[in-house]
Amino acid sequence: MHQGKSYLVSKLDLTGYKAYAHRTNAAYYTAARDVVEVTVISRFQTAKLANSDAHHHVHCGPVEVVARVWGYRKMWLRTGKIFEMHEFDLPPLRYETQGAWIDLSGALQDALRASNLDMRCGIHGINHLICKLVPLHVICSPKTIATEHVAAHYKRPQPPRLLVFDQTPGGLGIAEAAFSNMDEILESAKDLLFNCKCEHGCLGCIIDPVCTGYNGVLSKESSKAILRLLLPDNEGEEEIERPASPEATPAATGAKKLELLTTPQTRRVRAVNRAMGMGRARVEQLQITPQWSEQMPNHSEGMK
């Protein structure tokens, strides 16, 4: 399917890298049965996570990506139900690119096992979250960043890590930028996950519509447990509302209404309070003086 129109591939030229297809009105479409394996080659940069313990660091370096397509599914166009599955043998696609990852400590893994939580499901969900949030912290397209997906039939053991990588061979610098902003990305992931009202996961949190594992191996509970152990600073903080006294002014009520907040919530409350203060100043005809900044010289004035 391409741009809403169905095509049937009749010939595949592997040496010339060409596929021959023609239009069709078939009542089904196909989905690839594939697996993507990521292997770390080396580490170029390492930094400690600011809000985590001493055992967790974020790394950046070259990785090798191997994509293997070993079959396909036939699915009805109207219902999406699988009615046939086929296998074939294609040469793997290999390329080197840049990645950013966090290896989870043994203590964190032991804590998950003690709670009878599936670590693989939790890691998969957080990787989905990181991929969704990277474009909010780094200027990039969501299609240029990817992660390790998990499916029930995957047999190769994957290291317990959170990982994203550039989908472009050689890299575009997106993974390196994600490495520099990983603290903020993880805080945003925790804020999004813990404030999502769904029970088992939805498109707003850990569900990824382009997951190659079809979101079959996911657990919101495990993902929350990993983030709670990885970023323990704000654990147990809740939004607390205190009743305002009759003499309290609107400004004092707004400042004291929320006490214990996560970092993103704190920024939002401060922004609202600033906006309220500027609005009152305009009503009362008060002058708000902007912060002084040095005037940069204009070197073009003397140019002809």
Protein backbone atom coordinates (compact mmCIF):
# COMPACT_ATOMS: atom_id res chain seq x y z
CA MET A 1 0.00 0.00 0.00
CA HIS A 2 1.36 3.44 -1.00
CA GLN A 3 -0.47 6.74 -0.44
CA GLY A 4 -3.74 4.92 0.14
CA LYS A 5 -3.47 2.80 -3.04
CA SER A 6 -2.73 -0.93 -3.14
CA TYR A 7 0.08 -2.39 -5.25
CA LEU A 8 1.08 -6.02 -5.74
CA VAL A 9 4.81 -6.77 -6.09
CA SER A 10 5.36 -9.21 -8.96
CA LYS A 11 9.16 -9.19 -9.15
CA LEU A 12 12.05 -8.29 -6.85
CA ASP A 13 15.53 -7.58 -8.23
CA LEU A 14 17.95 -7.84 -5.31
CA THR A 15 21.06 -7.04 -7.35
CA GLY A 16 19.56 -3.95 -8.97
CA TYR A 17 17.63 -2.90 -5.87
CA LYS A 18 14.35 -2.69 -7.78
CA ALA A 19 10.83 -3.88 -7.05
CA TYR A 20 8.26 -4.22 -9.82
CA ALA A 21 4.64 -3.66 -8.76
CA HIS A 22 1.26 -3.03 -10.36
CA ARG A 23 -2.03 -1.63 -9.08
CA THR A 24 -4.44 -4.08 -7.52
CA ASN A 25 -7.87 -4.04 -5.91
CA ALA A 26 -7.14 -6.89 -3.54
CA ALA A 27 -9.17 -6.99 -0.33
CA TYR A 28 -6.09 -7.54 1.79
CA TYR A 29 -2.75 -5.94 2.60
CA THR A 30 0.54 -7.35 3.87
CA ALA A 31 2.69 -6.59 6.90
CA ALA A 32 6.33 -7.58 7.26
CA ARG A 33 7.54 -10.18 9.73
CA ASP A 34 10.91 -8.77 10.65
CA VAL A 35 13.36 -8.28 13.47
CA VAL A 36 15.84 -5.45 14.11
CA GLU A 37 18.93 -6.17 16.18
CA VAL A 38 21.13 -3.39 17.58
CA THR A 39 24.70 -4.05 18.70
CA VAL A 40 26.82 -1.43 20.48
CA ILE A 41 30.22 -1.02 18.83
CA SER A 42 31.87 1.39 21.27
CA ARG A 43 31.19 4.31 23.61
CA PHE A 44 32.33 7.81 22.74
CA GLN A 45 30.64 9.72 25.57
CA THR A 46 29.33 8.85 29.02
CA ALA A 47 27.50 11.03 31.53
CA LYS A 48 25.77 10.36 34.82
CA LEU A 49 22.02 10.76 34.99
CA ALA A 50 21.41 13.82 37.15
CA ASN A 51 18.32 12.47 38.95
CA SER A 52 19.38 8.84 39.25
CA ASP A 53 21.73 6.89 41.50
CA ALA A 54 25.44 6.38 40.92
CA HIS A 55 24.91 3.13 38.97
CA HIS A 56 23.09 4.62 36.00
CA HIS A 57 24.79 6.50 33.19
CA VAL A 58 23.76 7.52 29.70
CA HIS A 59 26.12 6.57 26.87
CA CYS A 60 26.53 7.66 23.25
CA GLY A 61 28.45 5.98 20.47
CA PRO A 62 28.32 4.03 17.20
CA VAL A 63 25.98 1.04 16.92
CA GLU A 64 25.35 -1.57 14.23
CA VAL A 65 21.76 -2.12 13.11
CA VAL A 66 20.79 -5.37 11.37
CA ALA A 67 17.27 -5.58 9.95
CA ARG A 68 16.01 -8.97 8.80
CA VAL A 69 12.71 -9.50 6.97
CA TRP A 70 11.88 -13.20 7.11
CA GLY A 71 8.22 -13.30 6.14
CA TYR A 72 4.93 -11.47 5.86
CA ARG A 73 1.33 -11.56 7.03
CA LYS A 74 -1.79 -11.22 4.90
CA MET A 75 -4.44 -9.13 6.64
CA TRP A 76 -7.98 -8.24 5.59
CA LEU A 77 -8.30 -4.61 4.56
CA ARG A 78 -11.56 -4.01 6.44
CA THR A 79 -10.87 -5.78 9.72
CA GLY A 80 -7.09 -6.06 9.92
CA LYS A 81 -7.45 -9.75 10.83
CA ILE A 82 -4.57 -12.05 9.84
CA PHE A 83 -5.67 -14.87 7.54
CA GLU A 84 -2.34 -16.09 6.08
CA MET A 85 1.32 -16.09 7.10
CA HIS A 86 4.28 -16.80 4.82
CA GLU A 87 8.05 -17.06 5.17
CA PHE A 88 10.93 -16.35 2.79
CA ASP A 89 14.66 -15.64 2.91
CA LEU A 90 16.05 -12.18 2.17
CA PRO A 91 19.59 -10.90 2.84
CA PRO A 92 19.77 -8.71 5.96
CA LEU A 93 20.16 -4.94 5.80
CA ARG A 94 23.19 -3.78 7.80
CA TYR A 95 24.35 -0.27 8.57
CA GLU A 96 26.23 1.66 11.25
CA THR A 97 24.75 4.72 12.92
CA GLN A 98 24.78 6.61 16.22
CA GLY A 99 22.90 5.57 19.35
CA ALA A 100 22.23 6.68 22.91
CA TRP A 101 21.46 4.18 25.66
CA ILE A 102 21.20 3.54 29.40
CA ASP A 103 22.19 0.16 30.86
CA LEU A 104 19.93 -0.78 33.76
CA SER A 105 21.76 -1.81 36.92
CA GLY A 106 21.62 -5.23 38.51
CA ALA A 107 19.96 -3.78 41.62
CA LEU A 108 17.12 -2.38 39.52
CA GLN A 109 16.66 -5.71 37.75
CA ASP A 110 16.57 -7.56 41.10
CA ALA A 111 13.93 -5.16 42.39
CA LEU A 112 11.74 -5.85 39.36
CA ARG A 113 12.10 -9.61 39.76
CA ALA A 114 11.22 -9.33 43.45
CA SER A 115 8.01 -7.55 42.43
CA ASN A 116 7.21 -10.23 39.80
CA LEU A 117 7.29 -7.65 37.02
CA ASP A 118 8.39 -8.37 33.46
CA MET A 119 11.47 -6.27 32.79
CA ARG A 120 11.34 -6.80 29.01
CA CYS A 121 7.78 -5.44 28.82
CA GLY A 122 8.68 -2.41 30.92
CA ILE A 123 11.79 -1.55 28.89
CA HIS A 124 9.82 -1.86 25.66
CA GLY A 125 7.21 0.63 26.90
CA ILE A 126 9.80 3.19 28.04
CA ASN A 127 11.64 2.93 24.71
CA HIS A 128 8.35 3.79 22.99
CA LEU A 129 7.99 6.80 25.29
CA ILE A 130 11.52 8.03 24.62
CA CYS A 131 11.00 7.81 20.84
CA LYS A 132 7.82 9.88 21.16
CA LEU A 133 9.48 12.54 23.33
CA VAL A 134 12.81 12.98 21.54
CA PRO A 135 11.25 15.23 18.82
CA LEU A 136 9.90 17.48 21.62
CA HIS A 137 13.40 18.07 22.99
CA VAL A 138 15.45 17.79 19.79
CA ILE A 139 14.59 19.32 16.42
CA CYS A 140 13.99 16.23 14.30
CA SER A 141 11.31 14.19 12.55
CA PRO A 142 9.85 11.22 14.45
CA LYS A 143 10.76 9.05 11.45
CA THR A 144 14.47 9.70 11.90
CA ILE A 145 14.69 8.09 15.36
CA ALA A 146 14.03 4.46 16.28
CA THR A 147 14.45 2.00 19.13
CA GLU A 148 14.59 -1.72 19.90
CA HIS A 149 11.18 -3.35 19.67
CA VAL A 150 10.17 -6.63 21.31
CA ALA A 151 7.89 -9.38 20.03
CA ALA A 152 6.88 -12.66 21.61
CA HIS A 153 8.71 -14.71 18.97
CA TYR A 154 12.08 -12.93 19.40
CA LYS A 155 14.61 -15.49 20.58
CA ARG A 156 17.78 -13.39 20.76
CA PRO A 157 18.24 -12.08 24.30
CA GLN A 158 18.38 -8.30 24.45
CA PRO A 159 20.49 -6.43 27.01
CA PRO A 160 18.44 -4.66 29.71
CA ARG A 161 18.80 -1.14 28.38
CA LEU A 162 16.90 1.91 27.19
CA LEU A 163 18.08 2.76 23.68
CA VAL A 164 17.38 5.04 20.73
CA PHE A 165 19.33 5.33 17.48
CA ASP A 166 19.41 7.33 14.26
CA GLN A 167 17.64 5.52 11.43
CA THR A 168 19.94 7.17 8.88
CA PRO A 169 23.20 5.29 8.16
CA GLY A 170 26.07 7.20 9.72
CA GLY A 171 23.70 9.20 11.92
CA LEU A 172 22.38 12.75 11.76
CA GLY A 173 23.37 13.80 15.28
CA ILE A 174 19.91 13.14 16.72
CA ALA A 175 21.05 10.38 19.08
CA GLU A 176 23.91 12.58 20.28
CA ALA A 177 21.46 15.41 20.96
CA ALA A 178 19.18 12.96 22.79
CA PHE A 179 22.21 11.91 24.87
CA SER A 180 22.72 15.55 25.93
CA ASN A 181 19.02 15.96 26.82
CA MET A 182 18.36 12.53 28.33
CA ASP A 183 17.64 13.85 31.84
CA GLU A 184 14.84 16.08 30.54
CA ILE A 185 13.53 13.35 28.21
CA LEU A 186 13.26 10.82 31.05
CA GLU A 187 11.58 13.36 33.33
CA SER A 188 9.05 14.09 30.58
CA ALA A 189 8.51 10.35 30.09
CA LYS A 190 7.83 9.86 33.79
CA ASP A 191 5.48 12.84 33.91
CA LEU A 192 3.56 11.60 30.84
CA LEU A 193 3.29 8.01 32.02
CA PHE A 194 2.23 8.73 35.61
CA ASN A 195 -0.35 11.31 34.52
CA CYS A 196 -1.94 9.16 31.80
CA LYS A 197 -5.34 7.91 33.03
CA CYS A 198 -5.39 4.67 31.01
CA GLU A 199 -5.08 1.33 32.79
CA HIS A 200 -2.88 -0.85 30.58
CA GLY A 201 -1.42 1.58 28.03
CA CYS A 202 -2.74 3.69 25.18
CA LEU A 203 -1.57 5.70 22.18
CA GLY A 204 -0.96 8.62 24.52
CA CYS A 205 1.70 6.76 26.50
CA ILE A 206 3.39 3.42 25.73
CA ILE A 207 1.51 2.23 22.63
CA ASP A 208 3.44 2.88 19.39
CA PRO A 209 1.44 2.65 16.12
CA VAL A 210 4.59 1.69 14.16
CA CYS A 211 5.91 -0.91 16.61
CA THR A 212 7.35 -3.86 14.67
CA GLY A 213 6.35 -6.12 17.56
CA TYR A 214 2.72 -4.92 17.23
CA ASN A 215 2.72 -3.77 20.91
CA GLY A 216 2.28 -7.35 22.07
CA VAL A 217 4.98 -7.29 24.76
CA LEU A 218 4.17 -4.23 26.87
CA SER A 219 3.33 -3.53 30.50
CA LYS A 220 2.48 -0.10 31.84
CA GLU A 221 2.95 -1.30 35.42
CA SER A 222 6.48 -2.51 34.67
CA SER A 223 7.35 0.71 32.83
CA LYS A 224 6.19 2.79 35.79
CA ALA A 225 8.21 0.63 38.19
CA ILE A 226 11.40 1.07 36.12
CA LEU A 227 11.01 4.85 35.94
CA ARG A 228 10.21 5.00 39.66
CA LEU A 229 13.44 3.11 40.43
CA LEU A 230 15.50 4.96 37.82
CA LEU A 231 14.34 8.45 38.90
CA PRO A 232 13.54 8.14 42.62
CA ASP A 233 13.85 11.84 43.55
CA ASN A 234 10.18 12.72 43.07
CA GLU A 235 8.77 9.45 44.28
CA GLY A 236 5.58 9.80 46.24
CA GLU A 237 5.05 13.45 45.43
CA GLU A 238 1.43 14.33 44.89
CA GLU A 239 -0.62 17.37 44.12
CA ILE A 240 -1.87 18.74 47.43
CA GLU A 241 -4.58 21.38 47.57
CA ARG A 242 -4.84 23.45 50.73
CA PRO A 243 -7.96 25.47 51.58
CA ALA A 244 -7.38 29.22 51.26
CA SER A 245 -8.18 31.55 54.12
CA PRO A 246 -10.84 34.26 53.56
CA GLU A 247 -8.20 36.99 53.81
CA ALA A 248 -5.91 35.37 51.26
CA THR A 249 -5.38 37.30 48.04
CA PRO A 250 -5.64 35.58 44.63
CA ALA A 251 -1.85 35.83 44.21
CA ALA A 252 -1.17 34.23 47.60
CA THR A 253 -3.75 31.51 46.96
CA GLY A 254 -2.20 30.66 43.60
CA ALA A 255 1.30 30.54 45.07
CA LYS A 256 0.41 28.29 48.02
CA LYS A 257 -2.17 26.08 46.37
CA LEU A 258 0.31 23.48 45.15
CA GLU A 259 3.27 22.50 47.28
CA LEU A 260 4.75 19.17 46.18
CA LEU A 261 5.05 18.99 42.42
CA THR A 262 7.17 17.30 39.80
CA THR A 263 9.52 19.49 37.77
CA PRO A 264 7.28 19.94 34.67
CA GLN A 265 4.32 20.83 36.88
CA THR A 266 6.42 23.38 38.78
CA ARG A 267 7.36 25.12 35.54
CA ARG A 268 3.73 25.29 34.45
CA VAL A 269 2.59 26.76 37.78
CA ARG A 270 5.33 29.41 37.70
CA ALA A 271 4.41 30.36 34.14
CA VAL A 272 0.75 30.75 35.13
CA ASN A 273 1.67 32.90 38.15
CA ARG A 274 3.85 35.15 35.97
CA ALA A 275 1.05 35.54 33.44
CA MET A 276 -1.42 36.41 36.21
CA GLY A 277 0.97 39.01 37.62
CA MET A 278 1.44 40.71 34.25
CA GLY A 279 -2.31 40.74 33.70
CA ARG A 280 -2.93 42.51 37.03
CA ALA A 281 -0.18 45.00 36.20
CA ARG A 282 -1.86 45.94 32.94
CA VAL A 283 -5.22 46.40 34.69
CA GLU A 284 -3.65 48.60 37.39
CA GLN A 285 -1.61 50.51 34.76
CA LEU A 286 1.71 49.51 36.30
CA GLN A 287 4.86 49.50 34.24
CA ILE A 288 6.74 46.20 33.91
CA THR A 289 10.40 46.84 33.20
CA PRO A 290 12.07 44.07 31.16
CA GLN A 291 15.40 42.69 32.27
CA TRP A 292 18.26 44.83 30.96
CA SER A 293 20.44 43.25 28.28
CA GLU A 294 23.55 44.69 26.70
CA GLN A 295 23.02 46.07 23.22
CA MET A 296 25.10 44.14 20.70
CA PRO A 297 27.17 46.37 18.39
CA ASN A 298 25.99 46.69 14.81
CA HIS A 299 29.07 46.03 12.70
CA SER A 300 27.16 46.56 9.46
CA GLU A 301 26.73 50.31 9.98
CA GLY A 302 30.15 51.17 8.54
CA MET A 303 29.86 48.81 5.62
CA LYS A 304 29.03 50.17 2.18
